[in-house]
PDB file of N, CA and C in Angstrom:
ATOM      1  N   MET A   1       1.486 -10.942  16.517  1.00  0.00           N
ATOM      2  CA  MET A   1       1.289 -11.906  17.585  1.00  0.00           C
ATOM      3  C   MET A   1       2.697 -11.964  18.183  1.00  0.00           C
ATOM      4  N   THR A   2       2.587 -12.301  19.664  1.00  0.00           N
ATOM      5  CA  THR A   2       3.683 -12.592  20.207  1.00  0.00           C
ATOM      6  C   THR A   2       4.145 -14.188  20.182  1.00  0.00           C
ATOM      7  N   PRO A   3       5.547 -14.362  20.675  1.00  0.00           N
ATOM      8  CA  PRO A   3       6.125 -15.805  20.632  1.00  0.00           C
ATOM      9  C   PRO A   3       5.086 -16.680  21.814  1.00  0.00           C
ATOM     10  N   GLY A   4       4.723 -17.757  21.313  1.00  0.00           N
ATOM     11  CA  GLY A   4       4.215 -18.470  22.536  1.00  0.00           C
ATOM     12  C   GLY A   4       2.802 -18.459  22.431  1.00  0.00           C
ATOM     13  N   GLN A   5       2.249 -17.311  21.696  1.00  0.00           N
ATOM     14  CA  GLN A   5       0.677 -16.948  21.444  1.00  0.00           C
ATOM     15  C   GLN A   5       0.174 -17.840  20.175  1.00  0.00           C
ATOM     16  N   PRO A   6      -0.766 -18.390  20.674  1.00  0.00           N
ATOM     17  CA  PRO A   6      -1.277 -19.360  19.367  1.00  0.00           C
ATOM     18  C   PRO A   6      -1.757 -18.354  18.113  1.00  0.00           C
ATOM     19  N   ALA A   7      -1.381 -19.159  16.947  1.00  0.00           N
ATOM     20  CA  ALA A   7      -1.907 -18.456  15.471  1.00  0.00           C
ATOM     21  C   ALA A   7      -3.413 -18.359  15.729  1.00  0.00           C
ATOM     22  N   PRO A   8      -3.982 -17.268  15.098  1.00  0.00           N
ATOM     23  CA  PRO A   8      -5.431 -16.805  14.945  1.00  0.00           C
ATOM     24  C   PRO A   8      -6.122 -18.122  13.937  1.00  0.00           C
ATOM     25  N   LYS A   9      -7.252 -18.063  14.366  1.00  0.00           N
ATOM     26  CA  LYS A   9      -7.963 -19.040  13.435  1.00  0.00           C
ATOM     27  C   LYS A   9      -8.424 -18.217  12.417  1.00  0.00           C
ATOM     28  N   VAL A  10      -8.301 -18.593  10.906  1.00  0.00           N
ATOM     29  CA  VAL A  10      -8.805 -17.977   9.878  1.00  0.00           C
ATOM     30  C   VAL A  10      -9.832 -18.497   9.156  1.00  0.00           C
ATOM     31  N   GLN A  11     -10.922 -17.644   8.722  1.00  0.00           N
ATOM     32  CA  GLN A  11     -12.005 -18.361   7.881  1.00  0.00           C
ATOM     33  C   GLN A  11     -12.047 -17.476   6.856  1.00  0.00           C
ATOM     34  N   LEU A  12     -12.084 -18.197   5.642  1.00  0.00           N
ATOM     35  CA  LEU A  12     -12.138 -17.718   4.373  1.00  0.00           C
ATOM     36  C   LEU A  12     -13.724 -17.711   3.841  1.00  0.00           C
ATOM     37  N   THR A  13     -14.258 -16.507   3.604  1.00  0.00           N
ATOM     38  CA  THR A  13     -15.478 -16.388   3.184  1.00  0.00           C
ATOM     39  C   THR A  13     -15.323 -15.572   1.518  1.00  0.00           C
ATOM     40  N   THR A  14     -16.344 -15.539   0.861  1.00  0.00           N
ATOM     41  CA  THR A  14     -16.414 -14.698  -0.373  1.00  0.00           C
ATOM     42  C   THR A  14     -17.665 -13.846  -0.261  1.00  0.00           C
ATOM     43  N   SER A  15     -17.479 -12.547  -0.745  1.00  0.00           N
ATOM     44  CA  SER A  15     -18.478 -11.657  -0.731  1.00  0.00           C
ATOM     45  C   SER A  15     -19.586 -11.828  -1.741  1.00  0.00           C
ATOM     46  N   PRO A  16     -20.837 -11.197  -1.869  1.00  0.00           N
ATOM     47  CA  PRO A  16     -21.601 -11.507  -2.731  1.00  0.00           C
ATOM     48  C   PRO A  16     -21.326 -11.244  -3.953  1.00  0.00           C
ATOM     49  N   ASP A  17     -20.372 -10.295  -4.349  1.00  0.00           N
ATOM     50  CA  ASP A  17     -20.204  -9.917  -5.705  1.00  0.00           C
ATOM     51  C   ASP A  17     -18.599 -10.723  -5.796  1.00  0.00           C
ATOM     52  N   TYR A  18     -18.566 -11.627  -5.378  1.00  0.00           N
ATOM     53  CA  TYR A  18     -17.343 -12.609  -5.841  1.00  0.00           C
ATOM     54  C   TYR A  18     -17.384 -13.264  -7.401  1.00  0.00           C
ATOM     55  N   ARG A  19     -16.209 -13.158  -8.171  1.00  0.00           N
ATOM     56  CA  ARG A  19     -16.183 -13.570  -9.380  1.00  0.00           C
ATOM     57  C   ARG A  19     -14.928 -14.338  -9.830  1.00  0.00           C
ATOM     58  N   GLU A  20     -14.790 -15.069 -10.549  1.00  0.00           N
ATOM     59  CA  GLU A  20     -13.461 -15.636 -11.183  1.00  0.00           C
ATOM     60  C   GLU A  20     -13.778 -15.558 -12.525  1.00  0.00           C
ATOM     61  N   ARG A  21     -12.585 -14.820 -12.828  1.00  0.00           N
ATOM     62  CA  ARG A  21     -12.089 -14.610 -14.659  1.00  0.00           C
ATOM     63  C   ARG A  21     -10.970 -15.073 -15.157  1.00  0.00           C
ATOM     64  N   TYR A  22     -10.640 -15.424 -16.230  1.00  0.00           N
ATOM     65  CA  TYR A  22      -9.289 -15.523 -16.781  1.00  0.00           C
ATOM     66  C   TYR A  22      -8.943 -14.459 -17.252  1.00  0.00           C
ATOM     67  N   ALA A  23      -7.401 -14.195 -17.095  1.00  0.00           N
ATOM     68  CA  ALA A  23      -6.699 -13.000 -17.453  1.00  0.00           C
ATOM     69  C   ALA A  23      -5.523 -13.667 -18.290  1.00  0.00           C
ATOM     70  N   ASN A  24      -4.989 -13.245 -19.511  1.00  0.00           N
ATOM     71  CA  ASN A  24      -3.871 -13.400 -20.178  1.00  0.00           C
ATOM     72  C   ASN A  24      -3.116 -11.996 -20.480  1.00  0.00           C
ATOM     73  N   SER A  25      -3.496 -10.952 -19.463  1.00  0.00           N
ATOM     74  CA  SER A  25      -2.753  -9.886 -19.677  1.00  0.00           C
ATOM     75  C   SER A  25      -2.729  -9.065 -18.012  1.00  0.00           C
ATOM     76  N   VAL A  26      -1.645  -8.864 -17.374  1.00  0.00           N
ATOM     77  CA  VAL A  26      -1.347  -8.045 -16.355  1.00  0.00           C
ATOM     78  C   VAL A  26      -0.330  -7.121 -16.576  1.00  0.00           C
ATOM     79  N   GLN A  27      -1.107  -5.990 -16.148  1.00  0.00           N
ATOM     80  CA  GLN A  27      -0.157  -4.770 -16.075  1.00  0.00           C
ATOM     81  C   GLN A  27       0.364  -4.213 -14.604  1.00  0.00           C
ATOM     82  N   MET A  28       1.074  -3.644 -14.513  1.00  0.00           N
ATOM     83  CA  MET A  28       1.382  -3.001 -13.003  1.00  0.00           C
ATOM     84  C   MET A  28       1.711  -1.601 -13.288  1.00  0.00           C
ATOM     85  N   ARG A  29       1.319  -0.948 -11.951  1.00  0.00           N
ATOM     86  CA  ARG A  29       1.990   0.288 -11.742  1.00  0.00           C
ATOM     87  C   ARG A  29       2.346   0.458 -10.600  1.00  0.00           C
ATOM     88  N   VAL A  30       3.272   1.322 -10.165  1.00  0.00           N
ATOM     89  CA  VAL A  30       3.941   1.131  -8.910  1.00  0.00           C
ATOM     90  C   VAL A  30       4.065   2.612  -8.432  1.00  0.00           C
ATOM     91  N   SER A  31       3.551   2.953  -7.346  1.00  0.00           N
ATOM     92  CA  SER A  31       3.781   4.281  -6.575  1.00  0.00           C
ATOM     93  C   SER A  31       4.395   4.202  -5.258  1.00  0.00           C
ATOM     94  N   LEU A  32       4.942   5.121  -4.643  1.00  0.00           N
ATOM     95  CA  LEU A  32       5.367   5.134  -3.158  1.00  0.00           C
ATOM     96  C   LEU A  32       4.469   4.167  -2.124  1.00  0.00           C
ATOM     97  N   TRP A  33       3.243   4.434  -2.437  1.00  0.00           N
ATOM     98  CA  TRP A  33       2.463   3.700  -1.221  1.00  0.00           C
ATOM     99  C   TRP A  33       1.512   2.385  -1.606  1.00  0.00           C
ATOM    100  N   ASP A  34       1.689   2.066  -3.102  1.00  0.00           N
ATOM    101  CA  ASP A  34       1.132   0.826  -3.336  1.00  0.00           C
ATOM    102  C   ASP A  34       1.293   0.334  -4.897  1.00  0.00           C
ATOM    103  N   PHE A  35       1.161  -1.151  -4.758  1.00  0.00           N
ATOM    104  CA  PHE A  35       1.356  -1.541  -6.265  1.00  0.00           C
ATOM    105  C   PHE A  35      -0.296  -1.797  -6.991  1.00  0.00           C
ATOM    106  N   PHE A  36      -0.338  -1.488  -8.194  1.00  0.00           N
ATOM    107  CA  PHE A  36      -1.702  -1.770  -8.962  1.00  0.00           C
ATOM    108  C   PHE A  36      -1.549  -2.512 -10.100  1.00  0.00           C
ATOM    109  N   LEU A  37      -2.395  -3.892  -9.785  1.00  0.00           N
ATOM    110  CA  LEU A  37      -2.342  -4.508 -10.637  1.00  0.00           C
ATOM    111  C   LEU A  37      -3.563  -4.678 -11.692  1.00  0.00           C
ATOM    112  N   LEU A  38      -3.277  -4.369 -12.917  1.00  0.00           N
ATOM    113  CA  LEU A  38      -4.572  -4.656 -13.956  1.00  0.00           C
ATOM    114  C   LEU A  38      -4.672  -5.717 -14.652  1.00  0.00           C
ATOM    115  N   PHE A  39      -5.703  -6.449 -14.569  1.00  0.00           N
ATOM    116  CA  PHE A  39      -5.991  -7.828 -15.271  1.00  0.00           C
ATOM    117  C   PHE A  39      -6.788  -7.501 -16.721  1.00  0.00           C
ATOM    118  N   GLY A  40      -6.629  -8.098 -17.410  1.00  0.00           N
ATOM    119  CA  GLY A  40      -7.342  -8.201 -18.768  1.00  0.00           C
ATOM    120  C   GLY A  40      -7.285  -9.184 -19.680  1.00  0.00           C
ATOM    121  N   THR A  41      -7.824  -9.266 -20.826  1.00  0.00           N
ATOM    122  CA  THR A  41      -7.614 -10.403 -21.781  1.00  0.00           C
ATOM    123  C   THR A  41      -7.147  -9.390 -23.042  1.00  0.00           C
ATOM    124  N   ILE A  42      -6.135 -10.244 -23.601  1.00  0.00           N
ATOM    125  CA  ILE A  42      -5.728  -9.948 -25.036  1.00  0.00           C
ATOM    126  C   ILE A  42      -6.065 -10.707 -26.148  1.00  0.00           C
ATOM    127  N   ASN A  43      -6.671  -9.947 -27.213  1.00  0.00           N
ATOM    128  CA  ASN A  43      -7.398 -10.493 -28.338  1.00  0.00           C
ATOM    129  C   ASN A  43      -6.449 -10.012 -29.460  1.00  0.00           C
ATOM    130  N   GLN A  44      -6.234 -10.811 -30.363  1.00  0.00           N
ATOM    131  CA  GLN A  44      -5.418 -10.388 -31.526  1.00  0.00           C
ATOM    132  C   GLN A  44      -6.640 -10.089 -32.524  1.00  0.00           C
ATOM    133  N   THR A  45      -6.567  -8.779 -32.984  1.00  0.00           N
ATOM    134  CA  THR A  45      -7.748  -8.105 -33.904  1.00  0.00           C
ATOM    135  C   THR A  45      -7.089  -8.268 -35.295  1.00  0.00           C
ATOM    136  N   ALA A  46      -6.138  -8.276 -35.592  1.00  0.00           N
ATOM    137  CA  ALA A  46      -5.581  -8.310 -36.941  1.00  0.00           C
ATOM    138  C   ALA A  46      -4.131  -8.711 -36.771  1.00  0.00           C
ATOM    139  N   PRO A  47      -3.511  -9.098 -37.885  1.00  0.00           N
ATOM    140  CA  PRO A  47      -2.365  -9.844 -37.985  1.00  0.00           C
ATOM    141  C   PRO A  47      -1.222  -8.726 -37.026  1.00  0.00           C
ATOM    142  N   ASP A  48      -1.326  -7.665 -37.494  1.00  0.00           N
ATOM    143  CA  ASP A  48      -0.297  -6.972 -36.500  1.00  0.00           C
ATOM    144  C   ASP A  48      -1.006  -5.637 -35.556  1.00  0.00           C
ATOM    145  N   ALA A  49      -2.170  -6.367 -34.936  1.00  0.00           N
ATOM    146  CA  ALA A  49      -2.808  -5.518 -33.858  1.00  0.00           C
ATOM    147  C   ALA A  49      -3.469  -6.492 -32.816  1.00  0.00           C
ATOM    148  N   VAL A  50      -3.415  -5.800 -31.676  1.00  0.00           N
ATOM    149  CA  VAL A  50      -3.874  -6.565 -30.496  1.00  0.00           C
ATOM    150  C   VAL A  50      -4.930  -5.546 -29.669  1.00  0.00           C
ATOM    151  N   THR A  51      -5.660  -5.952 -29.216  1.00  0.00           N
ATOM    152  CA  THR A  51      -6.647  -5.363 -28.232  1.00  0.00           C
ATOM    153  C   THR A  51      -6.555  -6.002 -26.856  1.00  0.00           C
ATOM    154  N   ILE A  52      -6.315  -4.922 -25.703  1.00  0.00           N
ATOM    155  CA  ILE A  52      -6.136  -5.505 -24.528  1.00  0.00           C
ATOM    156  C   ILE A  52      -7.525  -4.920 -23.973  1.00  0.00           C
ATOM    157  N   GLN A  53      -8.443  -5.661 -23.438  1.00  0.00           N
ATOM    158  CA  GLN A  53      -9.930  -5.199 -22.615  1.00  0.00           C
ATOM    159  C   GLN A  53      -9.487  -5.605 -21.400  1.00  0.00           C
ATOM    160  N   ASN A  54      -9.189  -4.455 -20.611  1.00  0.00           N
ATOM    161  CA  ASN A  54      -8.966  -4.705 -19.109  1.00  0.00           C
ATOM    162  C   ASN A  54     -10.233  -4.795 -18.170  1.00  0.00           C
ATOM    163  N   TYR A  55     -10.273  -5.415 -17.202  1.00  0.00           N
ATOM    164  CA  TYR A  55     -11.761  -5.721 -16.454  1.00  0.00           C
ATOM    165  C   TYR A  55     -11.815  -5.562 -14.928  1.00  0.00           C
ATOM    166  N   GLN A  56     -10.349  -5.423 -14.292  1.00  0.00           N
ATOM    167  CA  GLN A  56     -10.221  -5.413 -12.923  1.00  0.00           C
ATOM    168  C   GLN A  56      -8.753  -4.859 -12.495  1.00  0.00           C
ATOM    169  N   GLY A  57      -8.791  -3.826 -11.565  1.00  0.00           N
ATOM    170  CA  GLY A  57      -7.683  -3.241 -11.108  1.00  0.00           C
ATOM    171  C   GLY A  57      -7.830  -3.576  -9.517  1.00  0.00           C
ATOM    172  N   ILE A  58      -6.603  -3.974  -9.096  1.00  0.00           N
ATOM    173  CA  ILE A  58      -6.233  -4.469  -7.700  1.00  0.00           C
ATOM    174  C   ILE A  58      -5.377  -3.892  -7.045  1.00  0.00           C
ATOM    175  N   PHE A  59      -5.457  -3.031  -5.974  1.00  0.00           N
ATOM    176  CA  PHE A  59      -4.430  -2.179  -5.250  1.00  0.00           C
ATOM    177  C   PHE A  59      -3.839  -3.119  -4.336  1.00  0.00           C
ATOM    178  N   LEU A  60      -2.460  -3.497  -4.021  1.00  0.00           N
ATOM    179  CA  LEU A  60      -1.873  -4.053  -3.117  1.00  0.00           C
ATOM    180  C   LEU A  60      -0.764  -3.183  -2.295  1.00  0.00           C
ATOM    181  N   SER A  61      -0.599  -3.141  -0.992  1.00  0.00           N
ATOM    182  CA  SER A  61       0.258  -2.840  -0.296  1.00  0.00           C
ATOM    183  C   SER A  61       1.646  -3.178  -0.549  1.00  0.00           C
ATOM    184  N   PRO A  62       2.777  -2.455  -0.282  1.00  0.00           N
ATOM    185  CA  PRO A  62       4.067  -3.020  -0.633  1.00  0.00           C
ATOM    186  C   PRO A  62       4.377  -4.439  -0.114  1.00  0.00           C
ATOM    187  N   PRO A  63       3.966  -4.573   1.320  1.00  0.00           N
ATOM    188  CA  PRO A  63       4.248  -5.834   2.186  1.00  0.00           C
ATOM    189  C   PRO A  63       3.411  -6.899   1.437  1.00  0.00           C
ATOM    190  N   GLN A  64       1.915  -6.661   1.231  1.00  0.00           N
ATOM    191  CA  GLN A  64       1.124  -7.541   0.454  1.00  0.00           C
ATOM    192  C   GLN A  64       1.725  -8.100  -0.859  1.00  0.00           C
ATOM    193  N   ALA A  65       2.382  -7.163  -1.889  1.00  0.00           N
ATOM    194  CA  ALA A  65       2.621  -7.230  -2.994  1.00  0.00           C
ATOM    195  C   ALA A  65       3.890  -8.198  -2.657  1.00  0.00           C
ATOM    196  N   LYS A  66       4.969  -7.944  -1.917  1.00  0.00           N
ATOM    197  CA  LYS A  66       6.159  -8.966  -1.370  1.00  0.00           C
ATOM    198  C   LYS A  66       5.647 -10.414  -1.320  1.00  0.00           C
ATOM    199  N   ALA A  67       4.490 -10.385  -0.495  1.00  0.00           N
ATOM    200  CA  ALA A  67       3.789 -11.967  -0.143  1.00  0.00           C
ATOM    201  C   ALA A  67       3.422 -12.567  -1.208  1.00  0.00           C
ATOM    202  N   LEU A  68       2.807 -11.784  -1.992  1.00  0.00           N
ATOM    203  CA  LEU A  68       2.034 -12.319  -3.291  1.00  0.00           C
ATOM    204  C   LEU A  68       3.308 -12.992  -4.299  1.00  0.00           C
ATOM    205  N   SER A  69       4.524 -11.957  -4.061  1.00  0.00           N
ATOM    206  CA  SER A  69       5.709 -12.626  -5.189  1.00  0.00           C
ATOM    207  C   SER A  69       6.234 -13.922  -4.673  1.00  0.00           C
ATOM    208  N   ASN A  70       6.260 -13.692  -3.299  1.00  0.00           N
ATOM    209  CA  ASN A  70       6.950 -15.175  -2.579  1.00  0.00           C
ATOM    210  C   ASN A  70       5.976 -15.999  -2.911  1.00  0.00           C
ATOM    211  N   LEU A  71       4.662 -16.031  -2.807  1.00  0.00           N
ATOM    212  CA  LEU A  71       3.723 -17.271  -3.170  1.00  0.00           C
ATOM    213  C   LEU A  71       3.945 -17.526  -4.635  1.00  0.00           C
ATOM    214  N   LEU A  72       3.673 -16.525  -5.594  1.00  0.00           N
ATOM    215  CA  LEU A  72       3.811 -16.925  -7.060  1.00  0.00           C
ATOM    216  C   LEU A  72       5.367 -17.729  -7.288  1.00  0.00           C
ATOM    217  N   GLN A  73       6.586 -17.323  -6.698  1.00  0.00           N
ATOM    218  CA  GLN A  73       7.701 -17.968  -7.092  1.00  0.00           C
ATOM    219  C   GLN A  73       7.653 -19.355  -6.269  1.00  0.00           C
ATOM    220  N   GLN A  74       7.171 -19.536  -5.286  1.00  0.00           N
ATOM    221  CA  GLN A  74       7.111 -20.847  -4.609  1.00  0.00           C
ATOM    222  C   GLN A  74       6.422 -21.805  -5.382  1.00  0.00           C
ATOM    223  N   ASN A  75       5.116 -21.367  -5.942  1.00  0.00           N
ATOM    224  CA  ASN A  75       4.269 -22.198  -6.800  1.00  0.00           C
ATOM    225  C   ASN A  75       4.695 -22.328  -8.179  1.00  0.00           C
ATOM    226  N   LEU A  76       5.305 -21.585  -8.763  1.00  0.00           N
ATOM    227  CA  LEU A  76       5.852 -21.562  -9.928  1.00  0.00           C
ATOM    228  C   LEU A  76       7.184 -22.680 -10.125  1.00  0.00           C
ATOM    229  N   LYS A  77       7.860 -22.609  -9.025  1.00  0.00           N
ATOM    230  CA  LYS A  77       9.057 -23.607  -8.872  1.00  0.00           C
ATOM    231  C   LYS A  77       8.284 -25.067  -8.971  1.00  0.00           C
ATOM    232  N   GLN A  78       7.419 -25.037  -7.943  1.00  0.00           N
ATOM    233  CA  GLN A  78       6.605 -26.724  -7.812  1.00  0.00           C
ATOM    234  C   GLN A  78       6.121 -26.948  -9.246  1.00  0.00           C
ATOM    235  N   TYR A  79       5.397 -25.960 -10.067  1.00  0.00           N
ATOM    236  CA  TYR A  79       4.569 -26.052 -11.229  1.00  0.00           C
ATOM    237  C   TYR A  79       6.007 -26.719 -12.228  1.00  0.00           C
ATOM    238  N   GLU A  80       7.052 -25.869 -12.363  1.00  0.00           N
ATOM    239  CA  GLU A  80       7.988 -26.273 -13.225  1.00  0.00           C
ATOM    240  C   GLU A  80       8.751 -27.643 -13.143  1.00  0.00           C
ATOM    241  N   SER A  81       8.751 -28.084 -11.599  1.00  0.00           N
ATOM    242  CA  SER A  81       9.461 -29.287 -11.299  1.00  0.00           C
ATOM    243  C   SER A  81       8.349 -30.425 -11.867  1.00  0.00           C
ATOM    244  N   ALA A  82       7.247 -29.941 -11.690  1.00  0.00           N
ATOM    245  CA  ALA A  82       6.349 -31.180 -12.310  1.00  0.00           C
ATOM    246  C   ALA A  82       5.956 -31.161 -13.582  1.00  0.00           C
ATOM    247  N   PHE A  83       6.020 -30.164 -14.424  1.00  0.00           N
ATOM    248  CA  PHE A  83       5.653 -30.080 -15.766  1.00  0.00           C
ATOM    249  C   PHE A  83       6.659 -29.532 -16.800  1.00  0.00           C
ATOM    250  N   GLY A  84       7.785 -28.968 -16.203  1.00  0.00           N
ATOM    251  CA  GLY A  84       9.082 -28.574 -17.260  1.00  0.00           C
ATOM    252  C   GLY A  84       9.097 -26.981 -17.010  1.00  0.00           C
ATOM    253  N   GLU A  85       9.864 -26.215 -17.614  1.00  0.00           N
ATOM    254  CA  GLU A  85      10.233 -24.740 -17.538  1.00  0.00           C
ATOM    255  C   GLU A  85       9.350 -24.186 -18.325  1.00  0.00           C
ATOM    256  N   ILE A  86       8.790 -22.580 -17.725  1.00  0.00           N
ATOM    257  CA  ILE A  86       7.997 -22.170 -18.563  1.00  0.00           C
ATOM    258  C   ILE A  86       9.017 -21.136 -19.319  1.00  0.00           C
ATOM    259  N   ARG A  87       8.734 -21.124 -20.656  1.00  0.00           N
ATOM    260  CA  ARG A  87       9.551 -20.017 -21.315  1.00  0.00           C
ATOM    261  C   ARG A  87       8.828 -18.921 -21.510  1.00  0.00           C
ATOM    262  N   LEU A  88       9.104 -17.554 -21.341  1.00  0.00           N
ATOM    263  CA  LEU A  88       8.272 -16.438 -21.897  1.00  0.00           C
ATOM    264  C   LEU A  88       9.052 -16.031 -23.176  1.00  0.00           C
ATOM    265  N   GLU A  89       8.399 -15.703 -24.002  1.00  0.00           N
ATOM    266  CA  GLU A  89       8.483 -14.812 -25.268  1.00  0.00           C
ATOM    267  C   GLU A  89       7.882 -13.732 -25.490  1.00  0.00           C
ATOM    268  N   THR A  90       8.713 -12.714 -25.957  1.00  0.00           N
ATOM    269  CA  THR A  90       8.165 -11.280 -26.449  1.00  0.00           C
ATOM    270  C   THR A  90       7.902 -11.347 -27.892  1.00  0.00           C
ATOM    271  N   GLN A  91       7.096 -10.354 -28.261  1.00  0.00           N
ATOM    272  CA  GLN A  91       6.622 -10.126 -29.758  1.00  0.00           C
ATOM    273  C   GLN A  91       7.363  -8.762 -30.358  1.00  0.00           C
ATOM    274  N   GLN A  92       8.191  -8.885 -31.469  1.00  0.00           N
ATOM    275  CA  GLN A  92       8.430  -7.693 -32.056  1.00  0.00           C
ATOM    276  C   GLN A  92       7.322  -6.933 -32.261  1.00  0.00           C
ATOM    277  N   GLY A  93       7.294  -5.547 -32.127  1.00  0.00           N
ATOM    278  CA  GLY A  93       6.385  -4.512 -32.460  1.00  0.00           C
ATOM    279  C   GLY A  93       5.330  -4.440 -31.282  1.00  0.00           C
ATOM    280  N   VAL A  94       5.411  -5.630 -30.481  1.00  0.00           N
ATOM    281  CA  VAL A  94       4.158  -5.252 -29.461  1.00  0.00           C
ATOM    282  C   VAL A  94       5.044  -4.532 -27.859  1.00  0.00           C
ATOM    283  N   GLY A  95       6.370  -4.486 -28.087  1.00  0.00           N
ATOM    284  CA  GLY A  95       6.939  -3.880 -27.148  1.00  0.00           C
ATOM    285  C   GLY A  95       7.780  -5.241 -26.330  1.00  0.00           C
ATOM    286  N   GLU A  96       8.412  -4.413 -25.302  1.00  0.00           N
ATOM    287  CA  GLU A  96       9.316  -5.624 -24.539  1.00  0.00           C
ATOM    288  C   GLU A  96       8.732  -6.142 -23.387  1.00  0.00           C
ATOM    289  N   SER A  97       7.634  -5.477 -22.947  1.00  0.00           N
ATOM    290  CA  SER A  97       6.945  -6.218 -21.834  1.00  0.00           C
ATOM    291  C   SER A  97       6.098  -7.288 -22.013  1.00  0.00           C
ATOM    292  N   ILE A  98       5.907  -8.369 -21.126  1.00  0.00           N
ATOM    293  CA  ILE A  98       5.134  -9.652 -21.432  1.00  0.00           C
ATOM    294  C   ILE A  98       4.015  -9.193 -20.658  1.00  0.00           C
ATOM    295  N   GLN A  99       2.848  -8.891 -21.480  1.00  0.00           N
ATOM    296  CA  GLN A  99       1.497  -8.669 -21.155  1.00  0.00           C
ATOM    297  C   GLN A  99       0.704  -9.974 -20.205  1.00  0.00           C
TER     298      GLN A  99
END
């Protein structure tokens, strides 16, 4: 888009296979060409064990991943302004990463 040119009109639609799901686990793999987000749910199956059931993988280009990061940061700041700080906690034995 060149300066002075009007922004294109954007129309949002959903595909026939569109679905919404809850995720409390997001894992990420990064390569030179893309970011891969793997969404799933964590279930504690025993006092010392959890099961992560992955159900959707999404590839993002690096520019789209950065745009998503900016969007998340902006919305998290607004959320924390309204509801207070979100604290992340790790559990011993599960690893140092937040799932």
